[in-house]
Amino acid sequence: MKKSGFWLLIAVLLAIVVSQGCSEPPSPPAEAGPATQASIEPSPEQQPEESPSSVSYTIVDETVYDKPIKTQIEQNFLASGAPSATQLEAELLRRYRAALARSGFSYHNPATNIYIYIYGSEEQARAHQGLWIGMIAKGPSDSGDPKPTIDPGRLAALSSAPKERFGLSEEERRAAFQAVVAAEHKGTNEAMAQVPDTAIMKQIQRERELQAKYKRAVARKYGVTDSQLTEIGIEGVEKGWPG
């Protein structure tokens, strides 16, 4: 083959290779494909409430008062687990609507007054000291669904791990809190026995003196200062420790 023919053959082969490469369809322009799982995951603020399947509610007691003046339902429930505020509100509304739907009373259908309380422990429920974590109430003049009330301190205490404070475990601080409450009652009762009600200002003064005396004894017993004992008292009230 002549040299010119050789180079012509090479040129033809190169042209075939180039034409085959160009015959492939070009890549489509970049488009927004489906979002990845990470990009479609809602932010923590947008996350729906978890199913409250881990939280259950059992009734502690119920009182029904059915008289001409009013028909009242009062229910006390115990929450097993640590519901969120949203879950607790939903449960209170659900229980309220169930109570409102009840009938068969002698004087008022539906009930004119409904009071529903949810507690974080049976100890709180049995104490009858208003230590609920959430409640809902309806009076005879109320219309529409009432708004649930949540106690944030007591609710948060359900999911907080016990901590040591002032060298005392939470169990010891609870005992100290109960001792403070007992000291206050003791001071009040003794002052009333020592000073007649006709001298009310002297009675109040004596009450304060006796309460301070008995509280100092509690502080010494648990090895804390008076101010630390006061903080334990505040903690007990916030967390709903029965006195």
C-alpha atoms as a PDB file:
ATOM      1  CA  MET A   1       0.000   0.000   0.000  1.00  0.00           C
ATOM      2  CA  LYS A   2       1.277   3.445  -0.838  1.00  0.00           C
ATOM      3  CA  LYS A   3       2.089   5.780   2.054  1.00  0.00           C
ATOM      4  CA  SER A   4      -0.705   8.171   1.083  1.00  0.00           C
ATOM      5  CA  GLY A   5      -3.170   5.276   1.136  1.00  0.00           C
ATOM      6  CA  PHE A   6      -1.952   4.246   4.570  1.00  0.00           C
ATOM      7  CA  TRP A   7      -2.588   7.677   6.074  1.00  0.00           C
ATOM      8  CA  LEU A   8      -5.988   7.779   4.367  1.00  0.00           C
ATOM      9  CA  LEU A   9      -6.922   4.483   6.050  1.00  0.00           C
ATOM     10  CA  ILE A  10      -5.800   5.834   9.445  1.00  0.00           C
ATOM     11  CA  ALA A  11      -7.890   8.952   8.942  1.00  0.00           C
ATOM     12  CA  VAL A  12     -10.982   6.863   8.092  1.00  0.00           C
ATOM     13  CA  LEU A  13     -10.552   4.703  11.219  1.00  0.00           C
ATOM     14  CA  LEU A  14     -10.173   7.777  13.420  1.00  0.00           C
ATOM     15  CA  ALA A  15     -13.296   9.263  11.941  1.00  0.00           C
ATOM     16  CA  ILE A  16     -15.256   6.067  12.716  1.00  0.00           C
ATOM     17  CA  VAL A  17     -14.040   6.069  16.344  1.00  0.00           C
ATOM     18  CA  VAL A  18     -14.912   9.717  16.828  1.00  0.00           C
ATOM     19  CA  SER A  19     -18.341   9.281  15.251  1.00  0.00           C
ATOM     20  CA  GLN A  20     -19.122   6.320  17.512  1.00  0.00           C
ATOM     21  CA  GLY A  21     -18.138   8.312  20.609  1.00  0.00           C
ATOM     22  CA  CYS A  22     -20.329  11.205  19.585  1.00  0.00           C
ATOM     23  CA  SER A  23     -23.276   8.969  18.843  1.00  0.00           C
ATOM     24  CA  GLU A  24     -23.811   8.287  22.567  1.00  0.00           C
ATOM     25  CA  PRO A  25     -26.512  10.566  23.974  1.00  0.00           C
ATOM     26  CA  PRO A  26     -25.136  13.389  26.014  1.00  0.00           C
ATOM     27  CA  SER A  27     -25.673  13.281  29.765  1.00  0.00           C
ATOM     28  CA  PRO A  28     -28.868  15.070  30.733  1.00  0.00           C
ATOM     29  CA  PRO A  29     -28.503  18.339  32.572  1.00  0.00           C
ATOM     30  CA  ALA A  30     -28.363  18.015  36.340  1.00  0.00           C
ATOM     31  CA  GLU A  31     -31.832  18.075  37.801  1.00  0.00           C
ATOM     32  CA  ALA A  32     -33.055  18.036  41.375  1.00  0.00           C
ATOM     33  CA  GLY A  33     -33.502  14.359  41.989  1.00  0.00           C
ATOM     34  CA  PRO A  34     -35.414  12.871  44.897  1.00  0.00           C
ATOM     35  CA  ALA A  35     -34.239  14.194  48.244  1.00  0.00           C
ATOM     36  CA  THR A  36     -32.125  11.969  50.374  1.00  0.00           C
ATOM     37  CA  GLN A  37     -33.468  10.648  53.632  1.00  0.00           C
ATOM     38  CA  ALA A  38     -31.384  13.153  55.540  1.00  0.00           C
ATOM     39  CA  SER A  39     -32.727  16.108  53.597  1.00  0.00           C
ATOM     40  CA  ILE A  40     -36.388  15.176  54.079  1.00  0.00           C
ATOM     41  CA  GLU A  41     -36.055  14.332  57.757  1.00  0.00           C
ATOM     42  CA  PRO A  42     -37.981  16.964  59.729  1.00  0.00           C
ATOM     43  CA  SER A  43     -36.089  19.088  62.186  1.00  0.00           C
ATOM     44  CA  PRO A  44     -36.491  18.327  65.885  1.00  0.00           C
ATOM     45  CA  GLU A  45     -38.985  21.177  66.130  1.00  0.00           C
ATOM     46  CA  GLN A  46     -41.046  19.640  63.306  1.00  0.00           C
ATOM     47  CA  GLN A  47     -40.861  16.070  64.544  1.00  0.00           C
ATOM     48  CA  PRO A  48     -44.314  14.708  65.286  1.00  0.00           C
ATOM     49  CA  GLU A  49     -44.947  13.528  68.784  1.00  0.00           C
ATOM     50  CA  GLU A  50     -43.854   9.972  69.370  1.00  0.00           C
ATOM     51  CA  SER A  51     -46.614   7.502  69.874  1.00  0.00           C
ATOM     52  CA  PRO A  52     -47.506   7.440  73.564  1.00  0.00           C
ATOM     53  CA  SER A  53     -47.486   3.659  73.491  1.00  0.00           C
ATOM     54  CA  SER A  54     -44.793   3.667  76.176  1.00  0.00           C
ATOM     55  CA  VAL A  55     -47.095   5.661  78.483  1.00  0.00           C
ATOM     56  CA  SER A  56     -50.204   4.144  80.010  1.00  0.00           C
ATOM     57  CA  TYR A  57     -52.862   5.603  82.273  1.00  0.00           C
ATOM     58  CA  THR A  58     -54.765   3.786  84.995  1.00  0.00           C
ATOM     59  CA  ILE A  59     -57.582   5.167  87.084  1.00  0.00           C
ATOM     60  CA  VAL A  60     -56.869   5.547  90.791  1.00  0.00           C
ATOM     61  CA  ASP A  61     -60.351   6.539  91.866  1.00  0.00           C
ATOM     62  CA  GLU A  62     -63.527   8.247  90.711  1.00  0.00           C
ATOM     63  CA  THR A  63     -66.143  10.245  92.613  1.00  0.00           C
ATOM     64  CA  VAL A  64     -69.589  11.022  91.160  1.00  0.00           C
ATOM     65  CA  TYR A  65     -71.810  13.592  92.862  1.00  0.00           C
ATOM     66  CA  ASP A  66     -75.338  13.648  91.417  1.00  0.00           C
ATOM     67  CA  LYS A  67     -77.633  16.157  93.107  1.00  0.00           C
ATOM     68  CA  PRO A  68     -80.184  18.751  91.929  1.00  0.00           C
ATOM     69  CA  ILE A  69     -77.620  21.520  92.345  1.00  0.00           C
ATOM     70  CA  LYS A  70     -75.006  19.809  90.146  1.00  0.00           C
ATOM     71  CA  THR A  71     -73.795  16.540  88.681  1.00  0.00           C
ATOM     72  CA  GLN A  72     -70.044  16.227  89.115  1.00  0.00           C
ATOM     73  CA  ILE A  73     -67.483  13.696  87.921  1.00  0.00           C
ATOM     74  CA  GLU A  74     -64.024  13.719  89.481  1.00  0.00           C
ATOM     75  CA  GLN A  75     -61.389  11.271  88.239  1.00  0.00           C
ATOM     76  CA  ASN A  76     -57.790  10.691  89.298  1.00  0.00           C
ATOM     77  CA  PHE A  77     -55.422   8.882  86.947  1.00  0.00           C
ATOM     78  CA  LEU A  78     -51.861   7.624  87.268  1.00  0.00           C
ATOM     79  CA  ALA A  79     -49.427   8.015  84.365  1.00  0.00           C
ATOM     80  CA  SER A  80     -46.996   5.139  83.953  1.00  0.00           C
ATOM     81  CA  GLY A  81     -44.003   6.574  82.117  1.00  0.00           C
ATOM     82  CA  ALA A  82     -43.048  10.134  81.230  1.00  0.00           C
ATOM     83  CA  PRO A  83     -45.466  11.708  78.751  1.00  0.00           C
ATOM     84  CA  SER A  84     -44.636  14.915  76.944  1.00  0.00           C
ATOM     85  CA  ALA A  85     -46.726  18.000  77.651  1.00  0.00           C
ATOM     86  CA  THR A  86     -48.482  17.553  74.304  1.00  0.00           C
ATOM     87  CA  GLN A  87     -49.302  13.914  75.021  1.00  0.00           C
ATOM     88  CA  LEU A  88     -50.547  14.813  78.496  1.00  0.00           C
ATOM     89  CA  GLU A  89     -52.822  17.544  77.141  1.00  0.00           C
ATOM     90  CA  ALA A  90     -54.238  15.151  74.546  1.00  0.00           C
ATOM     91  CA  GLU A  91     -54.919  12.510  77.196  1.00  0.00           C
ATOM     92  CA  LEU A  92     -56.668  15.009  79.453  1.00  0.00           C
ATOM     93  CA  LEU A  93     -58.897  16.147  76.588  1.00  0.00           C
ATOM     94  CA  ARG A  94     -59.648  12.544  75.640  1.00  0.00           C
ATOM     95  CA  ARG A  95     -60.624  11.669  79.202  1.00  0.00           C
ATOM     96  CA  TYR A  96     -62.659  14.860  79.513  1.00  0.00           C
ATOM     97  CA  ARG A  97     -64.651  14.173  76.345  1.00  0.00           C
ATOM     98  CA  ALA A  98     -65.346  10.615  77.510  1.00  0.00           C
ATOM     99  CA  ALA A  99     -66.673  11.949  80.818  1.00  0.00           C
ATOM    100  CA  LEU A 100     -68.751  14.576  79.023  1.00  0.00           C
ATOM    101  CA  ALA A 101     -70.348  11.885  76.856  1.00  0.00           C
ATOM    102  CA  ARG A 102     -71.610   9.952  79.864  1.00  0.00           C
ATOM    103  CA  SER A 103     -75.323   9.981  80.624  1.00  0.00           C
ATOM    104  CA  GLY A 104     -77.842   8.235  82.828  1.00  0.00           C
ATOM    105  CA  PHE A 105     -77.553  10.669  85.708  1.00  0.00           C
ATOM    106  CA  SER A 106     -80.643  11.566  87.722  1.00  0.00           C
ATOM    107  CA  TYR A 107     -80.402  15.343  87.495  1.00  0.00           C
ATOM    108  CA  HIS A 108     -78.059  16.622  84.764  1.00  0.00           C
ATOM    109  CA  ASN A 109     -77.014  15.056  81.472  1.00  0.00           C
ATOM    110  CA  PRO A 110     -74.228  15.644  80.677  1.00  0.00           C
ATOM    111  CA  ALA A 111     -72.454  16.358  83.952  1.00  0.00           C
ATOM    112  CA  THR A 112     -72.288  20.028  84.883  1.00  0.00           C
ATOM    113  CA  ASN A 113     -68.878  19.754  86.549  1.00  0.00           C
ATOM    114  CA  ILE A 114     -65.945  17.621  85.443  1.00  0.00           C
ATOM    115  CA  TYR A 115     -62.537  17.487  87.133  1.00  0.00           C
ATOM    116  CA  ILE A 116     -59.823  15.175  85.833  1.00  0.00           C
ATOM    117  CA  TYR A 117     -56.338  14.918  87.333  1.00  0.00           C
ATOM    118  CA  ILE A 118     -53.302  12.936  86.181  1.00  0.00           C
ATOM    119  CA  TYR A 119     -50.492  12.177  88.627  1.00  0.00           C
ATOM    120  CA  GLY A 120     -46.934  11.036  88.153  1.00  0.00           C
ATOM    121  CA  SER A 121     -46.956   8.603  91.077  1.00  0.00           C
ATOM    122  CA  GLU A 122     -49.503   6.801  93.185  1.00  0.00           C
ATOM    123  CA  GLU A 123     -47.973   8.459  96.236  1.00  0.00           C
ATOM    124  CA  GLN A 124     -48.886  11.850  94.795  1.00  0.00           C
ATOM    125  CA  ALA A 125     -52.370  10.682  93.866  1.00  0.00           C
ATOM    126  CA  ARG A 126     -53.087   9.259  97.322  1.00  0.00           C
ATOM    127  CA  ALA A 127     -51.707  12.293  99.163  1.00  0.00           C
ATOM    128  CA  HIS A 128     -54.735  14.480  98.254  1.00  0.00           C
ATOM    129  CA  GLN A 129     -52.475  17.529  98.161  1.00  0.00           C
ATOM    130  CA  GLY A 130     -53.114  18.675  94.600  1.00  0.00           C
ATOM    131  CA  LEU A 131     -49.801  17.233  93.351  1.00  0.00           C
ATOM    132  CA  TRP A 132     -51.018  16.480  89.823  1.00  0.00           C
ATOM    133  CA  ILE A 133     -48.848  16.808  86.727  1.00  0.00           C
ATOM    134  CA  GLY A 134     -51.854  17.796  84.601  1.00  0.00           C
ATOM    135  CA  MET A 135     -55.524  18.613  85.095  1.00  0.00           C
ATOM    136  CA  ILE A 136     -58.620  19.760  83.249  1.00  0.00           C
ATOM    137  CA  ALA A 137     -61.766  21.266  84.728  1.00  0.00           C
ATOM    138  CA  LYS A 138     -65.254  22.210  83.547  1.00  0.00           C
ATOM    139  CA  GLY A 139     -67.806  24.286  85.423  1.00  0.00           C
ATOM    140  CA  PRO A 140     -71.525  24.651  84.702  1.00  0.00           C
ATOM    141  CA  SER A 141     -71.073  27.911  82.803  1.00  0.00           C
ATOM    142  CA  ASP A 142     -68.153  26.723  80.634  1.00  0.00           C
ATOM    143  CA  SER A 143     -68.748  26.052  76.946  1.00  0.00           C
ATOM    144  CA  GLY A 144     -66.442  24.250  74.536  1.00  0.00           C
ATOM    145  CA  ASP A 145     -63.425  22.208  75.505  1.00  0.00           C
ATOM    146  CA  PRO A 146     -61.573  23.624  78.528  1.00  0.00           C
ATOM    147  CA  LYS A 147     -57.817  24.127  78.297  1.00  0.00           C
ATOM    148  CA  PRO A 148     -55.686  21.574  80.141  1.00  0.00           C
ATOM    149  CA  THR A 149     -53.275  22.834  82.789  1.00  0.00           C
ATOM    150  CA  ILE A 150     -49.808  21.282  83.035  1.00  0.00           C
ATOM    151  CA  ASP A 151     -47.363  21.613  85.925  1.00  0.00           C
ATOM    152  CA  PRO A 152     -43.989  21.789  84.131  1.00  0.00           C
ATOM    153  CA  GLY A 153     -41.854  21.170  87.219  1.00  0.00           C
ATOM    154  CA  ARG A 154     -43.625  17.985  88.253  1.00  0.00           C
ATOM    155  CA  LEU A 155     -43.796  16.773  84.658  1.00  0.00           C
ATOM    156  CA  ALA A 156     -40.060  17.337  84.113  1.00  0.00           C
ATOM    157  CA  ALA A 157     -39.301  15.451  87.337  1.00  0.00           C
ATOM    158  CA  LEU A 158     -40.707  12.259  85.797  1.00  0.00           C
ATOM    159  CA  SER A 159     -37.906  12.065  83.220  1.00  0.00           C
ATOM    160  CA  SER A 160     -35.026  13.606  85.197  1.00  0.00           C
ATOM    161  CA  ALA A 161     -32.427  11.308  86.705  1.00  0.00           C
ATOM    162  CA  PRO A 162     -32.079  11.583  90.502  1.00  0.00           C
ATOM    163  CA  LYS A 163     -29.097  13.735  91.483  1.00  0.00           C
ATOM    164  CA  GLU A 164     -27.144  14.262  94.656  1.00  0.00           C
ATOM    165  CA  ARG A 165     -27.374  17.736  96.204  1.00  0.00           C
ATOM    166  CA  PHE A 166     -25.778  19.078  99.370  1.00  0.00           C
ATOM    167  CA  GLY A 167     -24.300  15.614  99.929  1.00  0.00           C
ATOM    168  CA  LEU A 168     -27.771  14.060 100.027  1.00  0.00           C
ATOM    169  CA  SER A 169     -29.389  11.639  97.613  1.00  0.00           C
ATOM    170  CA  GLU A 170     -32.841  12.502  96.274  1.00  0.00           C
ATOM    171  CA  GLU A 171     -34.359   9.943  98.636  1.00  0.00           C
ATOM    172  CA  GLU A 172     -32.659  11.632 101.593  1.00  0.00           C
ATOM    173  CA  ARG A 173     -33.801  15.070 100.423  1.00  0.00           C
ATOM    174  CA  ARG A 174     -37.368  13.784 100.150  1.00  0.00           C
ATOM    175  CA  ALA A 175     -37.118  12.583 103.761  1.00  0.00           C
ATOM    176  CA  ALA A 176     -35.722  15.973 104.793  1.00  0.00           C
ATOM    177  CA  PHE A 177     -38.582  17.701 102.978  1.00  0.00           C
ATOM    178  CA  GLN A 178     -41.132  15.605 104.817  1.00  0.00           C
ATOM    179  CA  ALA A 179     -39.361  16.387 108.089  1.00  0.00           C
ATOM    180  CA  VAL A 180     -39.619  20.116 107.315  1.00  0.00           C
ATOM    181  CA  VAL A 181     -43.351  19.803 106.668  1.00  0.00           C
ATOM    182  CA  ALA A 182     -43.765  17.902 109.942  1.00  0.00           C
ATOM    183  CA  ALA A 183     -41.756  20.593 111.753  1.00  0.00           C
ATOM    184  CA  GLU A 184     -44.045  23.295 110.391  1.00  0.00           C
ATOM    185  CA  HIS A 185     -47.156  21.407 111.492  1.00  0.00           C
ATOM    186  CA  LYS A 186     -45.668  20.776 114.922  1.00  0.00           C
ATOM    187  CA  GLY A 187     -44.810  24.439 115.387  1.00  0.00           C
ATOM    188  CA  THR A 188     -48.307  25.503 114.338  1.00  0.00           C
ATOM    189  CA  ASN A 189     -50.077  23.031 116.623  1.00  0.00           C
ATOM    190  CA  GLU A 190     -47.938  23.894 119.651  1.00  0.00           C
ATOM    191  CA  ALA A 191     -48.340  27.631 119.127  1.00  0.00           C
ATOM    192  CA  MET A 192     -52.128  27.243 118.959  1.00  0.00           C
ATOM    193  CA  ALA A 193     -52.040  25.212 122.173  1.00  0.00           C
ATOM    194  CA  GLN A 194     -49.811  27.713 123.993  1.00  0.00           C
ATOM    195  CA  VAL A 195     -51.350  31.011 122.842  1.00  0.00           C
ATOM    196  CA  PRO A 196     -55.116  31.577 122.604  1.00  0.00           C
ATOM    197  CA  ASP A 197     -56.726  32.703 119.359  1.00  0.00           C
ATOM    198  CA  THR A 198     -57.687  35.960 121.052  1.00  0.00           C
ATOM    199  CA  ALA A 199     -53.988  36.912 120.912  1.00  0.00           C
ATOM    200  CA  ILE A 200     -53.544  36.053 117.267  1.00  0.00           C
ATOM    201  CA  MET A 201     -50.418  38.162 116.660  1.00  0.00           C
ATOM    202  CA  LYS A 202     -48.633  36.562 119.633  1.00  0.00           C
ATOM    203  CA  GLN A 203     -49.774  33.165 118.399  1.00  0.00           C
ATOM    204  CA  ILE A 204     -48.294  33.824 114.957  1.00  0.00           C
ATOM    205  CA  GLN A 205     -45.031  35.018 116.492  1.00  0.00           C
ATOM    206  CA  ARG A 206     -44.817  31.915 118.672  1.00  0.00           C
ATOM    207  CA  GLU A 207     -45.595  29.728 115.661  1.00  0.00           C
ATOM    208  CA  ARG A 208     -42.667  31.224 113.744  1.00  0.00           C
ATOM    209  CA  GLU A 209     -40.300  30.742 116.655  1.00  0.00           C
ATOM    210  CA  LEU A 210     -41.247  27.112 117.120  1.00  0.00           C
ATOM    211  CA  GLN A 211     -41.126  26.322 113.398  1.00  0.00           C
ATOM    212  CA  ALA A 212     -37.659  27.879 113.099  1.00  0.00           C
ATOM    213  CA  LYS A 213     -36.486  25.854 116.113  1.00  0.00           C
ATOM    214  CA  TYR A 214     -37.728  22.535 114.709  1.00  0.00           C
ATOM    215  CA  LYS A 215     -36.391  23.304 111.217  1.00  0.00           C
ATOM    216  CA  ARG A 216     -32.911  23.958 112.659  1.00  0.00           C
ATOM    217  CA  ALA A 217     -33.092  20.518 114.230  1.00  0.00           C
ATOM    218  CA  VAL A 218     -33.929  19.013 110.820  1.00  0.00           C
ATOM    219  CA  ALA A 219     -30.984  20.855 109.235  1.00  0.00           C
ATOM    220  CA  ARG A 220     -28.609  19.475 111.876  1.00  0.00           C
ATOM    221  CA  LYS A 221     -29.956  15.965 111.409  1.00  0.00           C
ATOM    222  CA  TYR A 222     -29.282  15.987 107.673  1.00  0.00           C
ATOM    223  CA  GLY A 223     -26.059  18.001 107.852  1.00  0.00           C
ATOM    224  CA  VAL A 224     -27.212  20.971 105.769  1.00  0.00           C
ATOM    225  CA  THR A 225     -27.435  24.700 106.352  1.00  0.00           C
ATOM    226  CA  ASP A 226     -30.687  26.570 106.864  1.00  0.00           C
ATOM    227  CA  SER A 227     -30.460  27.991 103.328  1.00  0.00           C
ATOM    228  CA  GLN A 228     -29.833  24.534 101.862  1.00  0.00           C
ATOM    229  CA  LEU A 229     -32.831  23.206 103.756  1.00  0.00           C
ATOM    230  CA  THR A 230     -34.881  26.012 102.219  1.00  0.00           C
ATOM    231  CA  GLU A 231     -33.679  24.970  98.747  1.00  0.00           C
ATOM    232  CA  ILE A 232     -34.699  21.385  99.495  1.00  0.00           C
ATOM    233  CA  GLY A 233     -38.117  22.708 100.431  1.00  0.00           C
ATOM    234  CA  ILE A 234     -38.368  24.568  97.120  1.00  0.00           C
ATOM    235  CA  GLU A 235     -37.280  21.451  95.236  1.00  0.00           C
ATOM    236  CA  GLY A 236     -39.922  19.394  97.019  1.00  0.00           C
ATOM    237  CA  VAL A 237     -42.656  21.835  96.100  1.00  0.00           C
ATOM    238  CA  GLU A 238     -41.536  22.051  92.458  1.00  0.00           C
ATOM    239  CA  LYS A 239     -41.333  18.269  92.061  1.00  0.00           C
ATOM    240  CA  GLY A 240     -44.523  17.590  93.988  1.00  0.00           C
ATOM    241  CA  TRP A 241     -43.065  15.533  96.821  1.00  0.00           C
ATOM    242  CA  PRO A 242     -45.833  14.657  99.283  1.00  0.00           C
ATOM    243  CA  GLY A 243     -45.282  16.190 102.702  1.00  0.00           C
END
